[in-house]
Amino acid sequence: YSAYVLHLIDYIIATTVPAQQTFLDAAEL
């Protein structure tokens, strides 16, 4: 939640199940 507030998108992606990370769109997040 704090990472969303502070726009730390790399952290959002890194803390999602590794097998799912390729499906995440960093620009959209």
mmCIF file of all heavy atoms, coordinates in Angstrom:
data_MODEL
# 
_entry.id   MODEL 
# 
loop_
_atom_site.group_PDB 
_atom_site.id 
_atom_site.type_symbol 
_atom_site.label_atom_id 
_atom_site.label_alt_id 
_atom_site.label_comp_id 
_atom_site.label_asym_id 
_atom_site.label_entity_id 
_atom_site.label_seq_id 
_atom_site.pdbx_PDB_ins_code 
_atom_site.Cartn_x 
_atom_site.Cartn_y 
_atom_site.Cartn_z 
_atom_site.occupancy 
_atom_site.B_iso_or_equiv 
_atom_site.pdbx_formal_charge 
_atom_site.auth_seq_id 
_atom_site.auth_comp_id 
_atom_site.auth_asym_id 
_atom_site.auth_atom_id 
_atom_site.pdbx_PDB_model_num 
ATOM 1   N N   . TYR A 1 1  ? 0.844  -1.197  0.000   1.00 0.00 ? 1  TYR A N   1 
ATOM 2   C CA  . TYR A 1 1  ? 0.000  0.000   0.000   1.00 0.00 ? 1  TYR A CA  1 
ATOM 3   C C   . TYR A 1 1  ? 0.885  1.255   0.000   1.00 0.00 ? 1  TYR A C   1 
ATOM 4   O O   . TYR A 1 1  ? 0.686  2.166   -0.807  1.00 0.00 ? 1  TYR A O   1 
ATOM 5   C CB  . TYR A 1 1  ? -0.948 0.005   1.212   1.00 0.00 ? 1  TYR A CB  1 
ATOM 6   C CG  . TYR A 1 1  ? -1.706 1.314   1.324   1.00 0.00 ? 1  TYR A CG  1 
ATOM 7   C CD1 . TYR A 1 1  ? -2.858 1.539   0.574   1.00 0.00 ? 1  TYR A CD1 1 
ATOM 8   C CD2 . TYR A 1 1  ? -1.242 2.350   2.134   1.00 0.00 ? 1  TYR A CD2 1 
ATOM 9   C CE1 . TYR A 1 1  ? -3.535 2.759   0.634   1.00 0.00 ? 1  TYR A CE1 1 
ATOM 10  C CE2 . TYR A 1 1  ? -1.902 3.569   2.203   1.00 0.00 ? 1  TYR A CE2 1 
ATOM 11  C CZ  . TYR A 1 1  ? -3.046 3.763   1.449   1.00 0.00 ? 1  TYR A CZ  1 
ATOM 12  O OH  . TYR A 1 1  ? -3.691 4.973   1.506   1.00 0.00 ? 1  TYR A OH  1 
ATOM 13  N N   . SER A 1 2  ? 1.882  1.295   0.891   1.00 0.00 ? 2  SER A N   1 
ATOM 14  C CA  . SER A 1 2  ? 2.800  2.448   0.953   1.00 0.00 ? 2  SER A CA  1 
ATOM 15  C C   . SER A 1 2  ? 3.515  2.639   -0.379  1.00 0.00 ? 2  SER A C   1 
ATOM 16  O O   . SER A 1 2  ? 3.742  3.773   -0.808  1.00 0.00 ? 2  SER A O   1 
ATOM 17  C CB  . SER A 1 2  ? 3.862  2.249   2.041   1.00 0.00 ? 2  SER A CB  1 
ATOM 18  O OG  . SER A 1 2  ? 3.275  2.296   3.309   1.00 0.00 ? 2  SER A OG  1 
ATOM 19  N N   . ALA A 1 3  ? 3.864  1.528   -1.036  1.00 0.00 ? 3  ALA A N   1 
ATOM 20  C CA  . ALA A 1 3  ? 4.557  1.617   -2.325  1.00 0.00 ? 3  ALA A CA  1 
ATOM 21  C C   . ALA A 1 3  ? 3.653  2.262   -3.382  1.00 0.00 ? 3  ALA A C   1 
ATOM 22  O O   . ALA A 1 3  ? 4.125  3.032   -4.219  1.00 0.00 ? 3  ALA A O   1 
ATOM 23  C CB  . ALA A 1 3  ? 5.016  0.235   -2.778  1.00 0.00 ? 3  ALA A CB  1 
ATOM 24  N N   . TYR A 1 4  ? 2.350  1.963   -3.336  1.00 0.00 ? 4  TYR A N   1 
ATOM 25  C CA  . TYR A 1 4  ? 1.422  2.633   -4.260  1.00 0.00 ? 4  TYR A CA  1 
ATOM 26  C C   . TYR A 1 4  ? 1.375  4.131   -3.971  1.00 0.00 ? 4  TYR A C   1 
ATOM 27  O O   . TYR A 1 4  ? 1.415  4.953   -4.875  1.00 0.00 ? 4  TYR A O   1 
ATOM 28  C CB  . TYR A 1 4  ? 0.012  2.044   -4.169  1.00 0.00 ? 4  TYR A CB  1 
ATOM 29  C CG  . TYR A 1 4  ? -0.187 0.836   -5.039  1.00 0.00 ? 4  TYR A CG  1 
ATOM 30  C CD1 . TYR A 1 4  ? -0.446 -0.406  -4.478  1.00 0.00 ? 4  TYR A CD1 1 
ATOM 31  C CD2 . TYR A 1 4  ? -0.136 0.925   -6.427  1.00 0.00 ? 4  TYR A CD2 1 
ATOM 32  C CE1 . TYR A 1 4  ? -0.633 -1.522  -5.281  1.00 0.00 ? 4  TYR A CE1 1 
ATOM 33  C CE2 . TYR A 1 4  ? -0.319 -0.187  -7.237  1.00 0.00 ? 4  TYR A CE2 1 
ATOM 34  C CZ  . TYR A 1 4  ? -0.572 -1.410  -6.654  1.00 0.00 ? 4  TYR A CZ  1 
ATOM 35  O OH  . TYR A 1 4  ? -0.743 -2.503  -7.441  1.00 0.00 ? 4  TYR A OH  1 
ATOM 36  N N   . VAL A 1 5  ? 1.309  4.485   -2.687  1.00 0.00 ? 5  VAL A N   1 
ATOM 37  C CA  . VAL A 1 5  ? 1.254  5.903   -2.302  1.00 0.00 ? 5  VAL A CA  1 
ATOM 38  C C   . VAL A 1 5  ? 2.504  6.642   -2.793  1.00 0.00 ? 5  VAL A C   1 
ATOM 39  O O   . VAL A 1 5  ? 2.424  7.772   -3.277  1.00 0.00 ? 5  VAL A O   1 
ATOM 40  C CB  . VAL A 1 5  ? 1.132  6.043   -0.761  1.00 0.00 ? 5  VAL A CB  1 
ATOM 41  C CG1 . VAL A 1 5  ? 1.219  7.515   -0.338  1.00 0.00 ? 5  VAL A CG1 1 
ATOM 42  C CG2 . VAL A 1 5  ? -0.169 5.431   -0.262  1.00 0.00 ? 5  VAL A CG2 1 
ATOM 43  N N   . LEU A 1 6  ? 3.650  5.981   -2.691  1.00 0.00 ? 6  LEU A N   1 
ATOM 44  C CA  . LEU A 1 6  ? 4.940  6.605   -3.019  1.00 0.00 ? 6  LEU A CA  1 
ATOM 45  C C   . LEU A 1 6  ? 5.402  6.306   -4.449  1.00 0.00 ? 6  LEU A C   1 
ATOM 46  O O   . LEU A 1 6  ? 6.515  6.654   -4.826  1.00 0.00 ? 6  LEU A O   1 
ATOM 47  C CB  . LEU A 1 6  ? 6.003  6.136   -2.015  1.00 0.00 ? 6  LEU A CB  1 
ATOM 48  C CG  . LEU A 1 6  ? 5.690  6.488   -0.543  1.00 0.00 ? 6  LEU A CG  1 
ATOM 49  C CD1 . LEU A 1 6  ? 6.629  5.749   0.393   1.00 0.00 ? 6  LEU A CD1 1 
ATOM 50  C CD2 . LEU A 1 6  ? 5.773  7.990   -0.324  1.00 0.00 ? 6  LEU A CD2 1 
ATOM 51  N N   . HIS A 1 7  ? 4.549  5.631   -5.228  1.00 0.00 ? 7  HIS A N   1 
ATOM 52  C CA  . HIS A 1 7  ? 4.814  5.307   -6.636  1.00 0.00 ? 7  HIS A CA  1 
ATOM 53  C C   . HIS A 1 7  ? 6.043  4.418   -6.832  1.00 0.00 ? 7  HIS A C   1 
ATOM 54  O O   . HIS A 1 7  ? 6.800  4.588   -7.784  1.00 0.00 ? 7  HIS A O   1 
ATOM 55  C CB  . HIS A 1 7  ? 4.947  6.587   -7.488  1.00 0.00 ? 7  HIS A CB  1 
ATOM 56  C CG  . HIS A 1 7  ? 3.933  7.635   -7.141  1.00 0.00 ? 7  HIS A CG  1 
ATOM 57  N ND1 . HIS A 1 7  ? 2.575  7.373   -7.050  1.00 0.00 ? 7  HIS A ND1 1 
ATOM 58  C CD2 . HIS A 1 7  ? 4.080  8.943   -6.836  1.00 0.00 ? 7  HIS A CD2 1 
ATOM 59  C CE1 . HIS A 1 7  ? 1.943  8.486   -6.714  1.00 0.00 ? 7  HIS A CE1 1 
ATOM 60  N NE2 . HIS A 1 7  ? 2.821  9.444   -6.570  1.00 0.00 ? 7  HIS A NE2 1 
ATOM 61  N N   . LEU A 1 8  ? 6.238  3.465   -5.923  1.00 0.00 ? 8  LEU A N   1 
ATOM 62  C CA  . LEU A 1 8  ? 7.378  2.536   -6.011  1.00 0.00 ? 8  LEU A CA  1 
ATOM 63  C C   . LEU A 1 8  ? 6.920  1.254   -6.719  1.00 0.00 ? 8  LEU A C   1 
ATOM 64  O O   . LEU A 1 8  ? 6.765  0.199   -6.111  1.00 0.00 ? 8  LEU A O   1 
ATOM 65  C CB  . LEU A 1 8  ? 7.910  2.223   -4.605  1.00 0.00 ? 8  LEU A CB  1 
ATOM 66  C CG  . LEU A 1 8  ? 8.330  3.449   -3.787  1.00 0.00 ? 8  LEU A CG  1 
ATOM 67  C CD1 . LEU A 1 8  ? 8.686  3.050   -2.365  1.00 0.00 ? 8  LEU A CD1 1 
ATOM 68  C CD2 . LEU A 1 8  ? 9.487  4.172   -4.455  1.00 0.00 ? 8  LEU A CD2 1 
ATOM 69  N N   . ILE A 1 9  ? 6.718  1.384   -8.017  1.00 0.00 ? 9  ILE A N   1 
ATOM 70  C CA  . ILE A 1 9  ? 6.115  0.297   -8.791  1.00 0.00 ? 9  ILE A CA  1 
ATOM 71  C C   . ILE A 1 9  ? 7.028  -0.928  -8.879  1.00 0.00 ? 9  ILE A C   1 
ATOM 72  O O   . ILE A 1 9  ? 6.546  -2.064  -8.893  1.00 0.00 ? 9  ILE A O   1 
ATOM 73  C CB  . ILE A 1 9  ? 5.697  0.803   -10.192 1.00 0.00 ? 9  ILE A CB  1 
ATOM 74  C CG1 . ILE A 1 9  ? 4.678  1.948   -10.048 1.00 0.00 ? 9  ILE A CG1 1 
ATOM 75  C CG2 . ILE A 1 9  ? 5.144  -0.328  -11.051 1.00 0.00 ? 9  ILE A CG2 1 
ATOM 76  C CD1 . ILE A 1 9  ? 3.469  1.669   -9.148  1.00 0.00 ? 9  ILE A CD1 1 
ATOM 77  N N   . ASP A 1 10 ? 8.346  -0.728  -8.890  1.00 0.00 ? 10 ASP A N   1 
ATOM 78  C CA  . ASP A 1 10 ? 9.260  -1.873  -8.904  1.00 0.00 ? 10 ASP A CA  1 
ATOM 79  C C   . ASP A 1 10 ? 9.009  -2.785  -7.708  1.00 0.00 ? 10 ASP A C   1 
ATOM 80  O O   . ASP A 1 10 ? 9.108  -4.011  -7.815  1.00 0.00 ? 10 ASP A O   1 
ATOM 81  C CB  . ASP A 1 10 ? 10.732 -1.413  -8.860  1.00 0.00 ? 10 ASP A CB  1 
ATOM 82  C CG  . ASP A 1 10 ? 11.164 -0.773  -10.172 1.00 0.00 ? 10 ASP A CG  1 
ATOM 83  O OD1 . ASP A 1 10 ? 10.396 -0.840  -11.152 1.00 0.00 ? 10 ASP A OD1 1 
ATOM 84  O OD2 . ASP A 1 10 ? 12.271 -0.205  -10.213 1.00 0.00 ? 10 ASP A OD2 1 
ATOM 85  N N   . TYR A 1 11 ? 8.693  -2.163  -6.566  1.00 0.00 ? 11 TYR A N   1 
ATOM 86  C CA  . TYR A 1 11 ? 8.432  -2.949  -5.349  1.00 0.00 ? 11 TYR A CA  1 
ATOM 87  C C   . TYR A 1 11 ? 7.131  -3.736  -5.492  1.00 0.00 ? 11 TYR A C   1 
ATOM 88  O O   . TYR A 1 11 ? 7.057  -4.897  -5.072  1.00 0.00 ? 11 TYR A O   1 
ATOM 89  C CB  . TYR A 1 11 ? 8.372  -2.019  -4.129  1.00 0.00 ? 11 TYR A CB  1 
ATOM 90  C CG  . TYR A 1 11 ? 8.199  -2.758  -2.825  1.00 0.00 ? 11 TYR A CG  1 
ATOM 91  C CD1 . TYR A 1 11 ? 9.300  -3.329  -2.191  1.00 0.00 ? 11 TYR A CD1 1 
ATOM 92  C CD2 . TYR A 1 11 ? 6.950  -2.894  -2.229  1.00 0.00 ? 11 TYR A CD2 1 
ATOM 93  C CE1 . TYR A 1 11 ? 9.161  -4.015  -0.987  1.00 0.00 ? 11 TYR A CE1 1 
ATOM 94  C CE2 . TYR A 1 11 ? 6.799  -3.572  -1.030  1.00 0.00 ? 11 TYR A CE2 1 
ATOM 95  C CZ  . TYR A 1 11 ? 7.905  -4.133  -0.413  1.00 0.00 ? 11 TYR A CZ  1 
ATOM 96  O OH  . TYR A 1 11 ? 7.750  -4.822  0.770   1.00 0.00 ? 11 TYR A OH  1 
ATOM 97  N N   . ILE A 1 12 ? 6.115  -3.123  -6.085  1.00 0.00 ? 12 ILE A N   1 
ATOM 98  C CA  . ILE A 1 12 ? 4.830  -3.807  -6.313  1.00 0.00 ? 12 ILE A CA  1 
ATOM 99  C C   . ILE A 1 12 ? 5.066  -5.050  -7.159  1.00 0.00 ? 12 ILE A C   1 
ATOM 100 O O   . ILE A 1 12 ? 4.569  -6.141  -6.845  1.00 0.00 ? 12 ILE A O   1 
ATOM 101 C CB  . ILE A 1 12 ? 3.820  -2.863  -7.016  1.00 0.00 ? 12 ILE A CB  1 
ATOM 102 C CG1 . ILE A 1 12 ? 3.504  -1.638  -6.151  1.00 0.00 ? 12 ILE A CG1 1 
ATOM 103 C CG2 . ILE A 1 12 ? 2.555  -3.618  -7.416  1.00 0.00 ? 12 ILE A CG2 1 
ATOM 104 C CD1 . ILE A 1 12 ? 2.804  -1.926  -4.842  1.00 0.00 ? 12 ILE A CD1 1 
ATOM 105 N N   . ILE A 1 13 ? 5.834  -4.898  -8.222  1.00 0.00 ? 13 ILE A N   1 
ATOM 106 C CA  . ILE A 1 13 ? 6.092  -6.029  -9.114  1.00 0.00 ? 13 ILE A CA  1 
ATOM 107 C C   . ILE A 1 13 ? 6.945  -7.098  -8.415  1.00 0.00 ? 13 ILE A C   1 
ATOM 108 O O   . ILE A 1 13 ? 6.617  -8.286  -8.454  1.00 0.00 ? 13 ILE A O   1 
ATOM 109 C CB  . ILE A 1 13 ? 6.747  -5.538  -10.427 1.00 0.00 ? 13 ILE A CB  1 
ATOM 110 C CG1 . ILE A 1 13 ? 5.720  -4.686  -11.198 1.00 0.00 ? 13 ILE A CG1 1 
ATOM 111 C CG2 . ILE A 1 13 ? 7.244  -6.712  -11.272 1.00 0.00 ? 13 ILE A CG2 1 
ATOM 112 C CD1 . ILE A 1 13 ? 6.258  -3.953  -12.402 1.00 0.00 ? 13 ILE A CD1 1 
ATOM 113 N N   . ALA A 1 14 ? 7.994  -6.669  -7.724  1.00 0.00 ? 14 ALA A N   1 
ATOM 114 C CA  . ALA A 1 14 ? 8.914  -7.609  -7.070  1.00 0.00 ? 14 ALA A CA  1 
ATOM 115 C C   . ALA A 1 14 ? 8.254  -8.429  -5.966  1.00 0.00 ? 14 ALA A C   1 
ATOM 116 O O   . ALA A 1 14 ? 8.715  -9.523  -5.644  1.00 0.00 ? 14 ALA A O   1 
ATOM 117 C CB  . ALA A 1 14 ? 10.121 -6.859  -6.506  1.00 0.00 ? 14 ALA A CB  1 
ATOM 118 N N   . THR A 1 15 ? 7.163  -7.899  -5.386  1.00 0.00 ? 15 THR A N   1 
ATOM 119 C CA  . THR A 1 15 ? 6.504  -8.597  -4.273  1.00 0.00 ? 15 THR A CA  1 
ATOM 120 C C   . THR A 1 15 ? 5.253  -9.360  -4.720  1.00 0.00 ? 15 THR A C   1 
ATOM 121 O O   . THR A 1 15 ? 4.493  -9.844  -3.890  1.00 0.00 ? 15 THR A O   1 
ATOM 122 C CB  . THR A 1 15 ? 6.148  -7.610  -3.140  1.00 0.00 ? 15 THR A CB  1 
ATOM 123 O OG1 . THR A 1 15 ? 5.370  -6.539  -3.686  1.00 0.00 ? 15 THR A OG1 1 
ATOM 124 C CG2 . THR A 1 15 ? 7.404  -7.045  -2.488  1.00 0.00 ? 15 THR A CG2 1 
ATOM 125 N N   . THR A 1 16 ? 5.067  -9.469  -6.026  1.00 0.00 ? 16 THR A N   1 
ATOM 126 C CA  . THR A 1 16 ? 4.012  -10.319 -6.595  1.00 0.00 ? 16 THR A CA  1 
ATOM 127 C C   . THR A 1 16 ? 4.655  -11.670 -6.906  1.00 0.00 ? 16 THR A C   1 
ATOM 128 O O   . THR A 1 16 ? 5.852  -11.725 -7.231  1.00 0.00 ? 16 THR A O   1 
ATOM 129 C CB  . THR A 1 16 ? 3.447  -9.677  -7.879  1.00 0.00 ? 16 THR A CB  1 
ATOM 130 O OG1 . THR A 1 16 ? 2.934  -8.381  -7.546  1.00 0.00 ? 16 THR A OG1 1 
ATOM 131 C CG2 . THR A 1 16 ? 2.331  -10.510 -8.488  1.00 0.00 ? 16 THR A CG2 1 
ATOM 132 N N   . VAL A 1 17 ? 3.899  -12.757 -6.794  1.00 0.00 ? 17 VAL A N   1 
ATOM 133 C CA  . VAL A 1 17 ? 4.417  -14.099 -7.090  1.00 0.00 ? 17 VAL A CA  1 
ATOM 134 C C   . VAL A 1 17 ? 5.262  -14.046 -8.378  1.00 0.00 ? 17 VAL A C   1 
ATOM 135 O O   . VAL A 1 17 ? 4.776  -13.566 -9.408  1.00 0.00 ? 17 VAL A O   1 
ATOM 136 C CB  . VAL A 1 17 ? 3.252  -15.110 -7.242  1.00 0.00 ? 17 VAL A CB  1 
ATOM 137 C CG1 . VAL A 1 17 ? 3.747  -16.444 -7.801  1.00 0.00 ? 17 VAL A CG1 1 
ATOM 138 C CG2 . VAL A 1 17 ? 2.559  -15.335 -5.908  1.00 0.00 ? 17 VAL A CG2 1 
ATOM 139 N N   . PRO A 1 18 ? 6.515  -14.499 -8.313  1.00 0.00 ? 18 PRO A N   1 
ATOM 140 C CA  . PRO A 1 18 ? 7.416  -14.379 -9.465  1.00 0.00 ? 18 PRO A CA  1 
ATOM 141 C C   . PRO A 1 18 ? 6.820  -14.880 -10.789 1.00 0.00 ? 18 PRO A C   1 
ATOM 142 O O   . PRO A 1 18 ? 7.020  -14.241 -11.825 1.00 0.00 ? 18 PRO A O   1 
ATOM 143 C CB  . PRO A 1 18 ? 8.645  -15.196 -9.045  1.00 0.00 ? 18 PRO A CB  1 
ATOM 144 C CG  . PRO A 1 18 ? 8.680  -15.026 -7.550  1.00 0.00 ? 18 PRO A CG  1 
ATOM 145 C CD  . PRO A 1 18 ? 7.228  -15.022 -7.134  1.00 0.00 ? 18 PRO A CD  1 
ATOM 146 N N   . ALA A 1 19 ? 6.086  -15.976 -10.752 1.00 0.00 ? 19 ALA A N   1 
ATOM 147 C CA  . ALA A 1 19 ? 5.492  -16.518 -11.984 1.00 0.00 ? 19 ALA A CA  1 
ATOM 148 C C   . ALA A 1 19 ? 4.462  -15.567 -12.597 1.00 0.00 ? 19 ALA A C   1 
ATOM 149 O O   . ALA A 1 19 ? 4.115  -15.700 -13.770 1.00 0.00 ? 19 ALA A O   1 
ATOM 150 C CB  . ALA A 1 19 ? 4.851  -17.881 -11.709 1.00 0.00 ? 19 ALA A CB  1 
ATOM 151 N N   . GLN A 1 20 ? 3.965  -14.608 -11.807 1.00 0.00 ? 20 GLN A N   1 
ATOM 152 C CA  . GLN A 1 20 ? 2.940  -13.670 -12.298 1.00 0.00 ? 20 GLN A CA  1 
ATOM 153 C C   . GLN A 1 20 ? 3.541  -12.342 -12.769 1.00 0.00 ? 20 GLN A C   1 
ATOM 154 O O   . GLN A 1 20 ? 2.858  -11.551 -13.403 1.00 0.00 ? 20 GLN A O   1 
ATOM 155 C CB  . GLN A 1 20 ? 1.930  -13.374 -11.189 1.00 0.00 ? 20 GLN A CB  1 
ATOM 156 C CG  . GLN A 1 20 ? 1.142  -14.592 -10.742 1.00 0.00 ? 20 GLN A CG  1 
ATOM 157 C CD  . GLN A 1 20 ? 0.067  -14.204 -9.744  1.00 0.00 ? 20 GLN A CD  1 
ATOM 158 O OE1 . GLN A 1 20 ? 0.310  -13.473 -8.782  1.00 0.00 ? 20 GLN A OE1 1 
ATOM 159 N NE2 . GLN A 1 20 ? -1.132 -14.684 -9.972  1.00 0.00 ? 20 GLN A NE2 1 
ATOM 160 N N   . GLN A 1 21 ? 4.790  -12.087 -12.462 1.00 0.00 ? 21 GLN A N   1 
ATOM 161 C CA  . GLN A 1 21 ? 5.361  -10.750 -12.683 1.00 0.00 ? 21 GLN A CA  1 
ATOM 162 C C   . GLN A 1 21 ? 5.356  -10.323 -14.147 1.00 0.00 ? 21 GLN A C   1 
ATOM 163 O O   . GLN A 1 21 ? 5.167  -9.148  -14.439 1.00 0.00 ? 21 GLN A O   1 
ATOM 164 C CB  . GLN A 1 21 ? 6.772  -10.669 -12.096 1.00 0.00 ? 21 GLN A CB  1 
ATOM 165 C CG  . GLN A 1 21 ? 6.759  -10.728 -10.571 1.00 0.00 ? 21 GLN A CG  1 
ATOM 166 C CD  . GLN A 1 21 ? 8.144  -10.715 -9.956  1.00 0.00 ? 21 GLN A CD  1 
ATOM 167 O OE1 . GLN A 1 21 ? 9.143  -10.499 -10.643 1.00 0.00 ? 21 GLN A OE1 1 
ATOM 168 N NE2 . GLN A 1 21 ? 8.216  -10.956 -8.665  1.00 0.00 ? 21 GLN A NE2 1 
ATOM 169 N N   . THR A 1 22 ? 5.532  -11.276 -15.069 1.00 0.00 ? 22 THR A N   1 
ATOM 170 C CA  . THR A 1 22 ? 5.568  -10.916 -16.492 1.00 0.00 ? 22 THR A CA  1 
ATOM 171 C C   . THR A 1 22 ? 4.221  -10.372 -16.979 1.00 0.00 ? 22 THR A C   1 
ATOM 172 O O   . THR A 1 22 ? 4.168  -9.703  -17.992 1.00 0.00 ? 22 THR A O   1 
ATOM 173 C CB  . THR A 1 22 ? 5.936  -12.126 -17.375 1.00 0.00 ? 22 THR A CB  1 
ATOM 174 O OG1 . THR A 1 22 ? 5.042  -13.193 -17.065 1.00 0.00 ? 22 THR A OG1 1 
ATOM 175 C CG2 . THR A 1 22 ? 7.368  -12.561 -17.142 1.00 0.00 ? 22 THR A CG2 1 
ATOM 176 N N   . PHE A 1 23 ? 3.144  -10.681 -16.254 1.00 0.00 ? 23 PHE A N   1 
ATOM 177 C CA  . PHE A 1 23 ? 1.807  -10.216 -16.662 1.00 0.00 ? 23 PHE A CA  1 
ATOM 178 C C   . PHE A 1 23 ? 1.515  -8.793  -16.207 1.00 0.00 ? 23 PHE A C   1 
ATOM 179 O O   . PHE A 1 23 ? 0.511  -8.205  -16.596 1.00 0.00 ? 23 PHE A O   1 
ATOM 180 C CB  . PHE A 1 23 ? 0.715  -11.137 -16.102 1.00 0.00 ? 23 PHE A CB  1 
ATOM 181 C CG  . PHE A 1 23 ? 0.776  -12.540 -16.619 1.00 0.00 ? 23 PHE A CG  1 
ATOM 182 C CD1 . PHE A 1 23 ? 1.077  -13.590 -15.760 1.00 0.00 ? 23 PHE A CD1 1 
ATOM 183 C CD2 . PHE A 1 23 ? 0.538  -12.819 -17.961 1.00 0.00 ? 23 PHE A CD2 1 
ATOM 184 C CE1 . PHE A 1 23 ? 1.127  -14.892 -16.226 1.00 0.00 ? 23 PHE A CE1 1 
ATOM 185 C CE2 . PHE A 1 23 ? 0.584  -14.112 -18.440 1.00 0.00 ? 23 PHE A CE2 1 
ATOM 186 C CZ  . PHE A 1 23 ? 0.882  -15.162 -17.571 1.00 0.00 ? 23 PHE A CZ  1 
ATOM 187 N N   . LEU A 1 24 ? 2.366  -8.241  -15.345 1.00 0.00 ? 24 LEU A N   1 
ATOM 188 C CA  . LEU A 1 24 ? 2.098  -6.915  -14.786 1.00 0.00 ? 24 LEU A CA  1 
ATOM 189 C C   . LEU A 1 24 ? 2.620  -5.828  -15.717 1.00 0.00 ? 24 LEU A C   1 
ATOM 190 O O   . LEU A 1 24 ? 3.702  -5.946  -16.273 1.00 0.00 ? 24 LEU A O   1 
ATOM 191 C CB  . LEU A 1 24 ? 2.746  -6.785  -13.400 1.00 0.00 ? 24 LEU A CB  1 
ATOM 192 C CG  . LEU A 1 24 ? 2.271  -7.817  -12.369 1.00 0.00 ? 24 LEU A CG  1 
ATOM 193 C CD1 . LEU A 1 24 ? 3.047  -7.675  -11.076 1.00 0.00 ? 24 LEU A CD1 1 
ATOM 194 C CD2 . LEU A 1 24 ? 0.784  -7.695  -12.108 1.00 0.00 ? 24 LEU A CD2 1 
ATOM 195 N N   . ASP A 1 25 ? 1.838  -4.777  -15.866 1.00 0.00 ? 25 ASP A N   1 
ATOM 196 C CA  . ASP A 1 25 ? 2.190  -3.655  -16.735 1.00 0.00 ? 25 ASP A CA  1 
ATOM 197 C C   . ASP A 1 25 ? 2.647  -2.486  -15.861 1.00 0.00 ? 25 ASP A C   1 
ATOM 198 O O   . ASP A 1 25 ? 1.830  -1.793  -15.249 1.00 0.00 ? 25 ASP A O   1 
ATOM 199 C CB  . ASP A 1 25 ? 0.961  -3.273  -17.577 1.00 0.00 ? 25 ASP A CB  1 
ATOM 200 C CG  . ASP A 1 25 ? 1.231  -2.145  -18.558 1.00 0.00 ? 25 ASP A CG  1 
ATOM 201 O OD1 . ASP A 1 25 ? 2.149  -1.332  -18.322 1.00 0.00 ? 25 ASP A OD1 1 
ATOM 202 O OD2 . ASP A 1 25 ? 0.497  -2.073  -19.553 1.00 0.00 ? 25 ASP A OD2 1 
ATOM 203 N N   . ALA A 1 26 ? 3.965  -2.288  -15.795 1.00 0.00 ? 26 ALA A N   1 
ATOM 204 C CA  . ALA A 1 26 ? 4.530  -1.264  -14.904 1.00 0.00 ? 26 ALA A CA  1 
ATOM 205 C C   . ALA A 1 26 ? 3.995  0.130   -15.221 1.00 0.00 ? 26 ALA A C   1 
ATOM 206 O O   . ALA A 1 26 ? 3.688  0.903   -14.313 1.00 0.00 ? 26 ALA A O   1 
ATOM 207 C CB  . ALA A 1 26 ? 6.058  -1.278  -14.989 1.00 0.00 ? 26 ALA A CB  1 
ATOM 208 N N   . ALA A 1 27 ? 3.855  0.448   -16.507 1.00 0.00 ? 27 ALA A N   1 
ATOM 209 C CA  . ALA A 1 27 ? 3.376  1.785   -16.891 1.00 0.00 ? 27 ALA A CA  1 
ATOM 210 C C   . ALA A 1 27 ? 1.936  2.000   -16.426 1.00 0.00 ? 27 ALA A C   1 
ATOM 211 O O   . ALA A 1 27 ? 1.575  3.068   -15.926 1.00 0.00 ? 27 ALA A O   1 
ATOM 212 C CB  . ALA A 1 27 ? 3.484  1.965   -18.403 1.00 0.00 ? 27 ALA A CB  1 
ATOM 213 N N   . GLU A 1 28 ? 1.125  0.968   -16.575 1.00 0.00 ? 28 GLU A N   1 
ATOM 214 C CA  . GLU A 1 28 ? -0.278 1.041   -16.146 1.00 0.00 ? 28 GLU A CA  1 
ATOM 215 C C   . GLU A 1 28 ? -0.364 1.191   -14.624 1.00 0.00 ? 28 GLU A C   1 
ATOM 216 O O   . GLU A 1 28 ? -1.147 1.994   -14.103 1.00 0.00 ? 28 GLU A O   1 
ATOM 217 C CB  . GLU A 1 28 ? -0.963 -0.258  -16.587 1.00 0.00 ? 28 GLU A CB  1 
ATOM 218 C CG  . GLU A 1 28 ? -2.462 -0.207  -16.661 1.00 0.00 ? 28 GLU A CG  1 
ATOM 219 C CD  . GLU A 1 28 ? -2.991 -1.535  -17.209 1.00 0.00 ? 28 GLU A CD  1 
ATOM 220 O OE1 . GLU A 1 28 ? -2.975 -1.730  -18.442 1.00 0.00 ? 28 GLU A OE1 1 
ATOM 221 O OE2 . GLU A 1 28 ? -3.403 -2.383  -16.383 1.00 0.00 ? 28 GLU A OE2 1 
ATOM 222 N N   . LEU A 1 29 ? 0.456  0.425   -13.895 1.00 0.00 ? 29 LEU A N   1 
ATOM 223 C CA  . LEU A 1 29 ? 0.471  0.518   -12.431 1.00 0.00 ? 29 LEU A CA  1 
ATOM 224 C C   . LEU A 1 29 ? 0.929  1.912   -11.990 1.00 0.00 ? 29 LEU A C   1 
ATOM 225 O O   . LEU A 1 29 ? 0.373  2.481   -11.061 1.00 0.00 ? 29 LEU A O   1 
ATOM 226 C CB  . LEU A 1 29 ? 1.398  -0.551  -11.848 1.00 0.00 ? 29 LEU A CB  1 
ATOM 227 C CG  . LEU A 1 29 ? 0.896  -1.997  -11.944 1.00 0.00 ? 29 LEU A CG  1 
ATOM 228 C CD1 . LEU A 1 29 ? 2.001  -2.974  -11.588 1.00 0.00 ? 29 LEU A CD1 1 
ATOM 229 C CD2 . LEU A 1 29 ? -0.319 -2.211  -11.057 1.00 0.00 ? 29 LEU A CD2 1 
# 
